[in-house]
Amino acid sequence: MRSIRLAVQATADGYPGKTAGLAKEIGRTLGTFRNQCSPDQQDHWINLRDLVKILETTGDLEILHTLARRFNHVCIPVPDGSGGSDMEVLKAWSEWKTEQAETVTAIDQVLEKGHATTRQLDLIEREMHQDFEKEIRLMNRLKSLFAS
């Protein structure tokens, strides 16, 4: 399972200015922030305030998803269901089915080989979480369409 530190590190790597830019944005020195992100540094931990600032600053919620998976939970965004038209419901349904197909493909690849790596199982788990997200989006569109 992916560590929270690696998720923070990946988020920092994807931020403009990378780790240095994000460290500055959240008010940390580069050295301190690097230590907090490093899986090798067990004496330095990132605090909750900084995690929230990173999520707000970057908009990248992979840290939140990684934390949830660590405790066998899932985070599913609840999209705005307003403005539901027939076409939006069909689009939401199509996106959900596309996500399901990606999950089935990932599972088929593992079953065909008869074994799975940790990375492959993590991929399948992420695909399933994305399935749930699309399913919730479809439900919100349906509610919007038929709300009175």
Protein backbone atom coordinates (compact mmCIF):
# COMPACT_ATOMS: atom_id res chain seq x y z
CA MET A 1 0.00 0.00 0.00
CA ARG A 2 1.26 3.44 -0.89
CA SER A 3 2.51 5.43 2.08
CA ILE A 4 1.13 8.82 2.99
CA ARG A 5 4.63 10.26 2.74
CA LEU A 6 4.94 9.04 -0.85
CA ALA A 7 1.55 10.56 -1.66
CA VAL A 8 2.69 13.90 -0.18
CA GLN A 9 5.96 13.64 -2.10
CA ALA A 10 4.12 12.89 -5.37
CA THR A 11 1.79 15.84 -4.78
CA ALA A 12 4.78 18.11 -4.13
CA ASP A 13 6.53 16.83 -7.27
CA GLY A 14 3.46 17.76 -9.32
CA TYR A 15 3.18 21.27 -7.88
CA PRO A 16 4.60 24.26 -9.78
CA GLY A 17 8.03 24.80 -8.28
CA LYS A 18 7.93 21.19 -7.04
CA THR A 19 8.86 20.50 -3.40
CA ALA A 20 10.47 23.91 -2.88
CA GLY A 21 7.42 25.75 -4.22
CA LEU A 22 4.97 23.80 -2.08
CA ALA A 23 7.14 24.09 1.04
CA LYS A 24 7.16 27.87 0.64
CA GLU A 25 3.40 27.94 0.00
CA ILE A 26 2.61 26.09 3.25
CA GLY A 27 5.16 28.05 5.29
CA ARG A 28 7.79 25.34 5.79
CA THR A 29 11.50 25.40 5.07
CA LEU A 30 12.56 23.18 2.21
CA GLY A 31 14.69 20.96 4.47
CA THR A 32 11.92 20.41 6.99
CA PHE A 33 9.36 19.68 4.30
CA ARG A 34 11.68 17.24 2.48
CA ASN A 35 12.25 15.38 5.74
CA GLN A 36 8.50 15.22 6.39
CA CYS A 37 7.93 13.73 2.92
CA SER A 38 10.77 11.23 3.05
CA PRO A 39 9.83 7.60 3.82
CA ASP A 40 13.35 7.24 5.27
CA GLN A 41 12.85 9.94 7.93
CA GLN A 42 10.86 8.37 10.75
CA ASP A 43 11.64 11.23 13.16
CA HIS A 44 9.89 13.91 11.08
CA TRP A 45 6.15 13.85 10.57
CA ILE A 46 3.93 16.20 8.64
CA ASN A 47 1.16 17.64 10.77
CA LEU A 48 -2.54 17.79 10.02
CA ARG A 49 -2.53 21.57 9.50
CA ASP A 50 0.11 21.21 6.79
CA LEU A 51 -1.73 18.31 5.15
CA VAL A 52 -4.90 20.38 4.94
CA LYS A 53 -2.94 23.34 3.52
CA ILE A 54 -1.40 21.04 0.89
CA LEU A 55 -4.83 19.72 -0.12
CA GLU A 56 -6.28 23.23 -0.31
CA THR A 57 -3.27 24.66 -2.15
CA THR A 58 -2.82 21.93 -4.74
CA GLY A 59 -6.37 20.62 -5.10
CA ASP A 60 -4.72 17.18 -5.40
CA LEU A 61 -6.66 14.84 -3.12
CA GLU A 62 -4.48 11.74 -3.58
CA ILE A 63 -3.14 12.22 -0.03
CA LEU A 64 -6.69 12.04 1.31
CA HIS A 65 -7.44 8.94 -0.76
CA THR A 66 -4.19 7.28 0.37
CA LEU A 67 -5.02 7.97 4.01
CA ALA A 68 -8.53 6.57 3.58
CA ARG A 69 -7.23 3.40 1.88
CA ARG A 70 -4.79 2.86 4.73
CA PHE A 71 -7.79 2.49 7.06
CA ASN A 72 -9.88 0.49 4.56
CA HIS A 73 -12.14 3.41 3.69
CA VAL A 74 -12.87 5.27 0.53
CA CYS A 75 -13.37 8.97 -0.16
CA ILE A 76 -15.93 9.72 -2.79
CA PRO A 77 -16.52 13.27 -3.95
CA VAL A 78 -20.13 14.28 -4.02
CA PRO A 79 -20.49 16.25 -7.23
CA ASP A 80 -23.00 18.97 -7.76
CA GLY A 81 -26.10 17.36 -9.18
CA SER A 82 -27.78 20.56 -10.26
CA GLY A 83 -28.82 21.08 -13.83
CA GLY A 84 -29.57 17.46 -14.55
CA SER A 85 -30.76 16.97 -18.09
CA ASP A 86 -31.39 13.71 -19.92
CA MET A 87 -28.05 14.11 -21.74
CA GLU A 88 -26.16 14.74 -18.49
CA VAL A 89 -27.67 11.59 -16.97
CA LEU A 90 -26.66 9.60 -20.07
CA LYS A 91 -23.15 11.05 -19.90
CA ALA A 92 -22.86 10.18 -16.19
CA TRP A 93 -24.08 6.64 -16.93
CA SER A 94 -21.58 6.31 -19.78
CA GLU A 95 -18.70 7.52 -17.57
CA TRP A 96 -19.67 5.00 -14.88
CA LYS A 97 -19.72 2.15 -17.40
CA THR A 98 -16.35 3.24 -18.81
CA GLU A 99 -14.86 3.17 -15.28
CA GLN A 100 -16.31 -0.29 -14.71
CA ALA A 101 -14.74 -1.52 -17.95
CA GLU A 102 -11.32 -0.22 -16.83
CA THR A 103 -11.71 -2.11 -13.55
CA VAL A 104 -12.72 -5.31 -15.31
CA THR A 105 -9.71 -5.01 -17.64
CA ALA A 106 -7.34 -4.60 -14.68
CA ILE A 107 -8.87 -7.63 -12.92
CA ASP A 108 -8.76 -9.73 -16.12
CA GLN A 109 -5.05 -9.02 -16.52
CA VAL A 110 -4.33 -10.29 -13.01
CA LEU A 111 -6.54 -13.36 -13.35
CA GLU A 112 -4.97 -14.25 -16.68
CA LYS A 113 -1.49 -14.28 -15.12
CA GLY A 114 -2.65 -16.15 -12.03
CA HIS A 115 -0.90 -13.74 -9.65
CA ALA A 116 -0.86 -10.05 -8.79
CA THR A 117 1.76 -7.59 -7.65
CA THR A 118 1.07 -5.05 -4.94
CA ARG A 119 1.11 -2.36 -7.63
CA GLN A 120 -1.53 -4.20 -9.67
CA LEU A 121 -3.76 -4.66 -6.62
CA ASP A 122 -3.38 -0.96 -5.79
CA LEU A 123 -4.39 -0.11 -9.37
CA ILE A 124 -7.50 -2.30 -9.12
CA GLU A 125 -8.41 -0.69 -5.81
CA ARG A 126 -8.03 2.82 -7.29
CA GLU A 127 -10.15 1.78 -10.28
CA MET A 128 -12.88 0.52 -7.94
CA HIS A 129 -12.83 3.78 -6.01
CA GLN A 130 -13.24 5.66 -9.28
CA ASP A 131 -16.19 3.38 -10.10
CA PHE A 132 -17.88 4.43 -6.86
CA GLU A 133 -17.28 8.09 -7.64
CA LYS A 134 -18.90 7.79 -11.07
CA GLU A 135 -21.82 5.87 -9.59
CA ILE A 136 -22.44 8.64 -7.03
CA ARG A 137 -22.23 11.23 -9.81
CA LEU A 138 -24.90 9.30 -11.74
CA MET A 139 -27.14 9.14 -8.65
CA ASN A 140 -26.85 12.89 -8.11
CA ARG A 141 -27.72 13.55 -11.75
CA LEU A 142 -30.79 11.32 -11.44
CA LYS A 143 -31.85 13.10 -8.26
CA SER A 144 -31.43 16.43 -9.99
CA LEU A 145 -33.45 15.31 -13.00
CA PHE A 146 -36.37 13.97 -10.98
CA ALA A 147 -36.34 16.31 -7.96
CA SER A 148 -39.57 18.13 -7.53
